[in-house]
N, C-alpha and C. Protein backbone atom coordinates (compact mmCIF):
# COMPACT_ATOMS: atom_id res chain seq x y z
N MET A 1 37.38 101.34 78.16
CA MET A 1 36.78 101.66 76.97
C MET A 1 37.44 100.80 75.82
N PRO A 2 36.58 100.16 74.99
CA PRO A 2 37.09 99.43 74.00
C PRO A 2 37.53 100.38 72.80
N GLU A 3 38.75 100.13 72.33
CA GLU A 3 39.14 101.04 71.14
C GLU A 3 38.82 100.42 69.89
N LYS A 4 38.49 101.28 68.80
CA LYS A 4 38.27 100.89 67.58
C LYS A 4 39.47 101.09 66.78
N GLU A 5 39.51 100.37 65.56
CA GLU A 5 40.74 100.43 64.76
C GLU A 5 40.46 101.53 63.85
N LYS A 6 39.27 101.81 63.44
CA LYS A 6 38.97 102.81 62.49
C LYS A 6 38.10 103.83 63.06
N LEU A 7 38.41 105.21 62.82
CA LEU A 7 37.56 106.13 63.52
C LEU A 7 37.67 107.50 62.55
N ARG A 8 36.49 108.16 62.31
CA ARG A 8 36.50 109.35 61.43
C ARG A 8 37.08 110.47 62.32
N ILE A 9 37.65 111.37 61.68
CA ILE A 9 38.33 112.62 62.40
C ILE A 9 37.11 113.44 62.91
N ASP A 10 35.96 113.59 62.36
CA ASP A 10 35.00 114.47 63.02
C ASP A 10 34.44 113.80 64.23
N LYS A 11 34.27 112.45 64.28
CA LYS A 11 33.81 111.81 65.29
C LYS A 11 34.80 111.87 66.53
N TYR A 12 36.09 111.68 66.16
CA TYR A 12 37.08 111.76 67.25
C TYR A 12 37.17 113.16 67.81
N LEU A 13 37.25 114.16 67.06
CA LEU A 13 37.36 115.52 67.67
C LEU A 13 36.04 115.85 68.52
N TRP A 14 34.93 115.33 68.18
CA TRP A 14 33.70 115.50 69.15
C TRP A 14 33.82 114.59 70.31
N ALA A 15 34.46 113.34 70.21
CA ALA A 15 34.45 112.53 71.39
C ALA A 15 35.47 113.05 72.33
N ILE A 16 36.60 113.67 71.93
CA ILE A 16 37.54 114.26 72.85
C ILE A 16 37.16 115.58 73.33
N ARG A 17 36.10 116.17 72.99
CA ARG A 17 35.38 117.39 73.46
C ARG A 17 36.07 118.56 72.91
N LEU A 18 36.73 118.62 71.75
CA LEU A 18 37.11 119.77 71.03
C LEU A 18 36.01 120.55 70.56
N PHE A 19 34.91 119.86 70.10
CA PHE A 19 33.83 120.47 69.51
C PHE A 19 32.57 120.01 70.24
N LYS A 20 31.55 120.93 70.41
CA LYS A 20 30.40 120.64 71.18
C LYS A 20 29.52 119.63 70.55
N THR A 21 29.45 119.66 69.18
CA THR A 21 28.53 118.76 68.37
C THR A 21 29.40 118.16 67.35
N ARG A 22 28.96 117.02 66.69
CA ARG A 22 29.61 116.39 65.83
C ARG A 22 29.56 117.16 64.46
N SER A 23 28.36 117.75 64.36
CA SER A 23 28.20 118.56 63.16
C SER A 23 29.10 119.76 63.05
N LEU A 24 29.45 120.41 64.22
CA LEU A 24 30.42 121.45 64.21
C LEU A 24 31.89 121.01 63.88
N ALA A 25 32.19 119.67 64.21
CA ALA A 25 33.44 119.05 63.91
C ALA A 25 33.43 118.96 62.53
N THR A 26 32.36 118.40 61.92
CA THR A 26 32.20 118.23 60.35
C THR A 26 32.38 119.43 59.68
N GLU A 27 31.76 120.51 60.11
CA GLU A 27 31.89 121.87 59.42
C GLU A 27 33.25 122.38 59.56
N ALA A 28 34.02 122.06 60.63
CA ALA A 28 35.34 122.58 60.83
C ALA A 28 36.18 121.83 59.70
N CYS A 29 35.91 120.65 59.60
CA CYS A 29 36.78 119.83 58.42
C CYS A 29 36.41 120.40 57.07
N LYS A 30 35.22 120.65 56.77
CA LYS A 30 34.72 121.26 55.42
C LYS A 30 35.35 122.59 55.29
N ALA A 31 35.50 123.35 56.36
CA ALA A 31 36.03 124.77 56.18
C ALA A 31 37.58 124.85 56.08
N GLY A 32 38.21 123.67 56.24
CA GLY A 32 39.56 123.67 56.25
C GLY A 32 40.38 123.97 57.52
N ARG A 33 39.76 123.77 58.67
CA ARG A 33 40.17 124.19 59.83
C ARG A 33 40.91 123.15 60.67
N VAL A 34 40.79 121.85 59.93
CA VAL A 34 41.49 120.57 60.52
C VAL A 34 42.56 120.14 59.66
N LYS A 35 43.73 120.21 59.97
CA LYS A 35 44.88 119.85 59.11
C LYS A 35 45.76 118.83 59.76
N LYS A 36 46.40 118.21 58.76
CA LYS A 36 47.49 117.22 59.09
C LYS A 36 48.62 117.50 58.09
N ASP A 37 49.84 117.78 58.54
CA ASP A 37 50.95 118.21 57.74
C ASP A 37 50.66 119.28 56.75
N GLY A 38 49.75 120.33 57.18
CA GLY A 38 49.46 121.41 56.26
C GLY A 38 48.37 121.00 55.27
N GLN A 39 47.97 119.85 55.27
CA GLN A 39 46.78 119.38 54.25
C GLN A 39 45.49 119.41 54.97
N ASN A 40 44.49 120.03 54.38
CA ASN A 40 43.12 119.96 54.94
C ASN A 40 42.60 118.59 54.86
N LEU A 41 41.80 118.28 55.89
CA LEU A 41 41.18 116.87 56.12
C LEU A 41 39.85 117.00 55.91
N LYS A 42 39.26 115.77 55.31
CA LYS A 42 37.85 115.64 55.00
C LYS A 42 37.36 115.06 56.37
N ALA A 43 36.07 115.15 56.65
CA ALA A 43 35.42 114.59 57.88
C ALA A 43 35.63 113.13 58.03
N SER A 44 35.67 112.49 56.85
CA SER A 44 35.72 111.07 56.83
C SER A 44 37.19 110.52 56.99
N TYR A 45 38.11 111.42 57.14
CA TYR A 45 39.63 110.88 57.23
C TYR A 45 39.67 109.90 58.46
N GLU A 46 40.40 108.87 58.19
CA GLU A 46 40.52 107.85 59.41
C GLU A 46 41.73 108.41 60.29
N VAL A 47 41.35 108.45 61.66
CA VAL A 47 42.44 108.85 62.61
C VAL A 47 43.25 107.70 62.98
N LYS A 48 44.54 107.89 63.12
CA LYS A 48 45.49 106.79 63.45
C LYS A 48 46.20 107.36 64.81
N VAL A 49 46.55 106.50 65.61
CA VAL A 49 47.27 106.64 66.89
C VAL A 49 48.63 107.11 66.55
N GLY A 50 49.03 108.26 67.18
CA GLY A 50 50.35 108.77 66.81
C GLY A 50 50.41 109.93 65.92
N ASP A 51 49.32 110.23 65.16
CA ASP A 51 49.24 111.29 64.27
C ASP A 51 49.03 112.56 64.99
N THR A 52 49.52 113.70 64.42
CA THR A 52 49.48 115.04 65.00
C THR A 52 48.48 115.79 64.04
N TYR A 53 47.61 116.60 64.61
CA TYR A 53 46.57 117.31 63.83
C TYR A 53 46.67 118.79 64.49
N ASN A 54 46.41 119.87 63.34
CA ASN A 54 46.21 121.20 63.83
C ASN A 54 44.73 121.45 63.67
N VAL A 55 44.13 122.01 64.72
CA VAL A 55 42.71 122.18 64.85
C VAL A 55 42.50 123.76 65.25
N SER A 56 41.87 124.48 64.32
CA SER A 56 41.54 125.80 64.52
C SER A 56 40.05 125.94 64.85
N LYS A 57 39.82 126.70 65.93
CA LYS A 57 38.44 126.88 66.34
C LYS A 57 38.31 128.40 66.79
N GLY A 58 38.01 129.23 65.75
CA GLY A 58 37.83 130.60 65.93
C GLY A 58 39.36 131.10 66.14
N PRO A 59 39.66 131.93 67.16
CA PRO A 59 40.95 132.39 67.35
C PRO A 59 41.87 131.30 68.13
N ASP A 60 41.18 130.33 68.61
CA ASP A 60 41.84 129.30 69.34
C ASP A 60 42.49 128.14 68.34
N ARG A 61 43.82 127.94 68.49
CA ARG A 61 44.41 126.99 67.63
C ARG A 61 45.05 125.90 68.58
N LYS A 62 44.83 124.65 68.27
CA LYS A 62 45.45 123.57 69.07
C LYS A 62 46.14 122.54 68.20
N VAL A 63 47.24 122.15 68.64
CA VAL A 63 48.02 121.00 68.06
C VAL A 63 47.86 119.88 68.90
N ILE A 64 47.31 118.76 68.45
CA ILE A 64 47.03 117.62 69.22
C ILE A 64 47.75 116.33 68.69
N LYS A 65 48.16 115.36 69.58
CA LYS A 65 48.60 114.26 69.18
C LYS A 65 47.69 113.07 69.70
N VAL A 66 47.36 112.18 68.78
CA VAL A 66 46.35 111.11 69.13
C VAL A 66 47.08 110.00 69.98
N THR A 67 46.58 109.73 71.21
CA THR A 67 47.27 108.70 72.04
C THR A 67 46.30 107.48 72.03
N GLY A 68 45.17 107.64 71.67
CA GLY A 68 44.22 106.55 71.79
C GLY A 68 42.98 106.91 71.01
N LEU A 69 42.13 105.91 70.59
CA LEU A 69 40.87 106.24 69.85
C LEU A 69 39.66 106.09 70.72
N LEU A 70 38.95 107.22 70.66
CA LEU A 70 37.71 107.19 71.51
C LEU A 70 36.43 107.34 70.59
N GLU A 71 35.64 106.39 70.60
CA GLU A 71 34.50 106.38 69.73
C GLU A 71 33.38 107.26 70.26
N ASN A 72 32.94 107.09 71.64
CA ASN A 72 31.90 107.86 72.11
C ASN A 72 32.27 108.96 73.10
N ARG A 73 31.43 109.96 73.16
CA ARG A 73 31.78 111.19 73.93
C ARG A 73 31.73 110.76 75.41
N THR A 74 32.70 111.11 76.04
CA THR A 74 32.74 110.86 77.57
C THR A 74 33.12 112.08 78.40
N ASP A 75 33.28 111.87 79.68
CA ASP A 75 33.44 113.08 80.48
C ASP A 75 34.80 113.57 80.14
N ALA A 76 35.06 114.87 80.58
CA ALA A 76 36.27 115.59 80.16
C ALA A 76 37.57 114.83 80.67
N LYS A 77 37.40 114.39 82.00
CA LYS A 77 38.65 113.76 82.59
C LYS A 77 39.08 112.52 81.92
N THR A 78 37.98 111.88 81.42
CA THR A 78 38.49 110.66 80.59
C THR A 78 39.00 110.98 79.05
N ALA A 79 38.28 111.99 78.59
CA ALA A 79 38.71 112.39 77.23
C ALA A 79 40.08 112.85 77.20
N VAL A 80 40.61 113.49 78.10
CA VAL A 80 42.06 114.06 78.05
C VAL A 80 43.05 112.93 77.92
N ASN A 81 42.73 111.80 78.31
CA ASN A 81 43.67 110.54 78.28
C ASN A 81 43.91 110.18 76.82
N PHE A 82 42.99 110.52 75.85
CA PHE A 82 43.16 110.06 74.44
C PHE A 82 43.83 111.01 73.46
N TYR A 83 44.28 112.15 74.02
CA TYR A 83 45.05 113.04 73.22
C TYR A 83 46.12 113.73 74.03
N TYR A 84 47.16 114.24 73.46
CA TYR A 84 48.20 115.08 74.09
C TYR A 84 48.20 116.39 73.43
N ASP A 85 48.10 117.45 74.21
CA ASP A 85 47.99 118.77 73.64
C ASP A 85 49.48 119.30 73.45
N LEU A 86 49.76 119.54 72.20
CA LEU A 86 51.14 120.03 71.86
C LEU A 86 51.22 121.48 71.60
N THR A 87 50.01 122.24 71.82
CA THR A 87 49.95 123.58 71.41
C THR A 87 51.14 124.34 72.31
N PRO A 88 51.71 125.26 71.48
CA PRO A 88 52.87 126.03 72.23
C PRO A 88 52.34 126.91 73.11
N VAL A 89 53.02 127.09 74.28
CA VAL A 89 52.43 127.98 75.35
C VAL A 89 52.42 129.44 75.11
N GLU A 90 53.25 129.81 74.09
CA GLU A 90 53.23 131.20 73.72
C GLU A 90 52.05 131.48 72.97
N GLU A 91 51.47 130.64 72.20
CA GLU A 91 50.37 130.84 71.40
C GLU A 91 49.08 130.86 72.32
N THR A 92 48.97 130.11 73.26
CA THR A 92 47.75 130.17 74.09
C THR A 92 47.87 131.33 75.13
N HIS A 93 49.18 131.70 75.57
CA HIS A 93 49.27 132.81 76.37
C HIS A 93 48.93 134.13 75.73
N GLY A 94 49.43 134.34 74.47
CA GLY A 94 49.11 135.44 73.66
C GLY A 94 47.43 135.65 73.41
N PHE A 95 46.85 134.52 73.12
CA PHE A 95 45.50 134.70 73.01
C PHE A 95 44.75 135.08 74.33
N LYS A 96 45.07 134.49 75.38
CA LYS A 96 44.40 134.89 76.60
C LYS A 96 44.73 136.27 77.00
N SER A 97 46.05 136.64 76.73
CA SER A 97 46.33 138.06 77.14
C SER A 97 45.65 139.08 76.33
N MET A 98 45.03 138.77 75.15
CA MET A 98 44.47 139.71 74.34
C MET A 98 43.10 140.26 75.07
N PHE A 99 42.52 139.30 75.80
CA PHE A 99 41.37 139.75 76.56
C PHE A 99 41.57 140.79 77.67
N HIS A 100 42.88 140.96 78.01
CA HIS A 100 43.19 141.84 79.07
C HIS A 100 43.76 143.17 78.51
N SER A 101 43.86 143.40 77.27
CA SER A 101 44.35 144.58 76.70
C SER A 101 43.41 145.69 76.86
N PRO A 102 44.04 146.86 77.00
CA PRO A 102 43.31 148.04 77.21
C PRO A 102 42.43 148.34 75.96
N LEU A 103 42.72 147.94 74.79
CA LEU A 103 41.87 148.28 73.60
C LEU A 103 40.43 147.72 73.72
N LEU A 104 40.30 146.72 74.37
CA LEU A 104 38.99 146.16 74.50
C LEU A 104 38.03 146.73 75.54
N LYS A 105 38.51 147.72 76.30
CA LYS A 105 37.58 148.37 77.23
C LYS A 105 36.79 149.48 76.62
N ARG A 106 35.67 149.62 77.03
CA ARG A 106 34.61 150.81 76.67
C ARG A 106 34.31 151.49 77.87
N ASP A 107 34.21 152.95 77.74
CA ASP A 107 33.85 153.67 78.76
C ASP A 107 32.46 153.44 79.24
N ARG A 108 32.17 153.30 80.54
CA ARG A 108 30.93 152.99 81.00
C ARG A 108 29.92 154.13 80.58
N GLY A 109 28.83 153.87 80.26
CA GLY A 109 27.75 154.71 79.92
C GLY A 109 27.78 155.27 78.41
N THR A 110 28.76 154.69 77.62
CA THR A 110 28.78 155.17 76.22
C THR A 110 27.67 154.47 75.40
N GLY A 111 27.03 153.53 75.95
CA GLY A 111 25.97 152.88 75.15
C GLY A 111 26.57 151.73 74.36
N ARG A 112 25.53 151.17 73.56
CA ARG A 112 25.93 150.06 72.80
C ARG A 112 26.66 150.56 71.52
N PRO A 113 27.60 149.69 70.96
CA PRO A 113 28.32 150.13 69.73
C PRO A 113 27.40 150.10 68.55
N THR A 114 27.54 151.19 67.65
CA THR A 114 26.82 151.09 66.47
C THR A 114 27.39 149.97 65.47
N LYS A 115 26.73 149.77 64.43
CA LYS A 115 27.27 148.81 63.41
C LYS A 115 28.51 149.20 63.04
N ARG A 116 28.78 150.38 62.63
CA ARG A 116 30.05 150.94 62.20
C ARG A 116 31.14 150.69 63.23
N ASP A 117 30.72 151.10 64.52
CA ASP A 117 31.74 150.88 65.69
C ASP A 117 32.11 149.42 65.75
N ARG A 118 31.14 148.42 65.72
CA ARG A 118 31.29 147.04 65.74
C ARG A 118 32.27 146.48 64.74
N ARG A 119 32.15 147.03 63.45
CA ARG A 119 32.98 146.56 62.45
C ARG A 119 34.38 147.13 62.73
N GLU A 120 34.63 148.30 63.16
CA GLU A 120 35.99 148.87 63.44
C GLU A 120 36.53 148.06 64.71
N ILE A 121 35.74 147.64 65.53
CA ILE A 121 36.27 146.77 66.71
C ILE A 121 36.69 145.48 66.16
N ASP A 122 35.94 144.79 65.32
CA ASP A 122 36.29 143.52 64.79
C ASP A 122 37.52 143.69 63.94
N ASP A 123 37.61 144.74 63.00
CA ASP A 123 38.93 144.84 62.35
C ASP A 123 40.11 145.08 63.15
N LEU A 124 39.94 145.79 64.36
CA LEU A 124 41.03 146.06 65.26
C LEU A 124 41.42 144.73 65.87
N GLN A 125 40.59 143.84 66.19
CA GLN A 125 40.92 142.61 66.88
C GLN A 125 41.28 141.52 65.77
N GLY A 126 41.36 141.83 64.57
CA GLY A 126 41.75 140.80 63.55
C GLY A 126 40.66 139.99 63.24
N GLY A 127 39.24 140.37 63.28
CA GLY A 127 38.15 139.60 62.97
C GLY A 127 37.87 138.38 63.72
N PHE A 128 38.52 138.27 65.01
CA PHE A 128 38.41 136.92 65.77
C PHE A 128 36.97 136.79 66.16
N PHE A 129 36.10 137.72 66.34
CA PHE A 129 34.85 137.50 67.01
C PHE A 129 33.71 137.78 66.03
N THR A 130 33.97 137.42 64.66
CA THR A 130 32.84 137.51 63.78
C THR A 130 31.97 136.41 63.90
N PRO A 131 30.71 136.36 63.78
CA PRO A 131 29.81 135.21 63.95
C PRO A 131 30.00 134.26 62.90
N GLY A 132 30.28 133.13 63.19
CA GLY A 132 30.48 132.07 62.21
C GLY A 132 31.74 132.33 61.28
N ASP A 133 32.68 131.46 61.44
CA ASP A 133 33.88 131.59 60.56
C ASP A 133 33.65 131.53 59.03
N THR A 134 32.51 131.07 58.58
CA THR A 134 32.42 130.90 57.16
C THR A 134 31.67 132.09 56.48
N GLU A 135 31.09 132.97 57.28
CA GLU A 135 30.36 134.26 56.86
C GLU A 135 31.39 135.26 56.30
N THR A 136 31.10 135.97 55.39
CA THR A 136 31.98 137.06 54.95
C THR A 136 31.26 138.28 54.78
N ARG A 137 31.85 139.42 55.05
CA ARG A 137 31.21 140.65 54.90
C ARG A 137 31.30 141.16 53.52
N ASP A 138 30.11 141.54 52.95
CA ASP A 138 30.11 142.12 51.50
C ASP A 138 30.67 143.44 51.59
N THR A 139 31.74 143.78 50.78
CA THR A 139 32.38 145.12 50.67
C THR A 139 32.38 145.47 49.19
N GLU A 140 31.84 146.55 48.90
CA GLU A 140 31.81 147.01 47.45
C GLU A 140 32.78 148.16 47.38
N GLU A 141 33.55 148.14 46.24
CA GLU A 141 34.65 149.22 46.18
C GLU A 141 34.07 150.08 45.10
C-alpha cells in the first residue's frame, strides 16, 4: 500500500477500522472524543506517524500510536499493521468484566423494563448504553 504524507484523522480512524463509517469518525472528532495530549482534535487534523491519540467510542477507550498512514479502508488483518494499541490492560479488562456482573441480570419472566426502570439501569451503569453519546436527557427540577 502506498503511504500518503498527509491524512486527516477522521479518514485514518475509519481506515484502521476504529469506526464503521467515516461520518461516525467525523462526529466523534466534533464531539471531542478524539484527543491528542488532552486536546480535542478537529476532523481535519493531519495525522503524523509516531503520534499517540486517545479515542473514546461509547464506554470503550483506546490509546493508539500511529505506525503508518493508511488512506483506504482495508481488511482488519492489514489495518492492524498501521497502528499500535497502547490501551492499558486494566481498562479493557474492567470494561469487559462489567458485562459479567450480577447487576445486569434480570429475572426471567419479569417482562420488558419500563421507561423508569430503563433510566435507573442506565444510571446504575454510568450511562454507558444511552443511545447516541450526543443526546442528553431533559431533566427539570
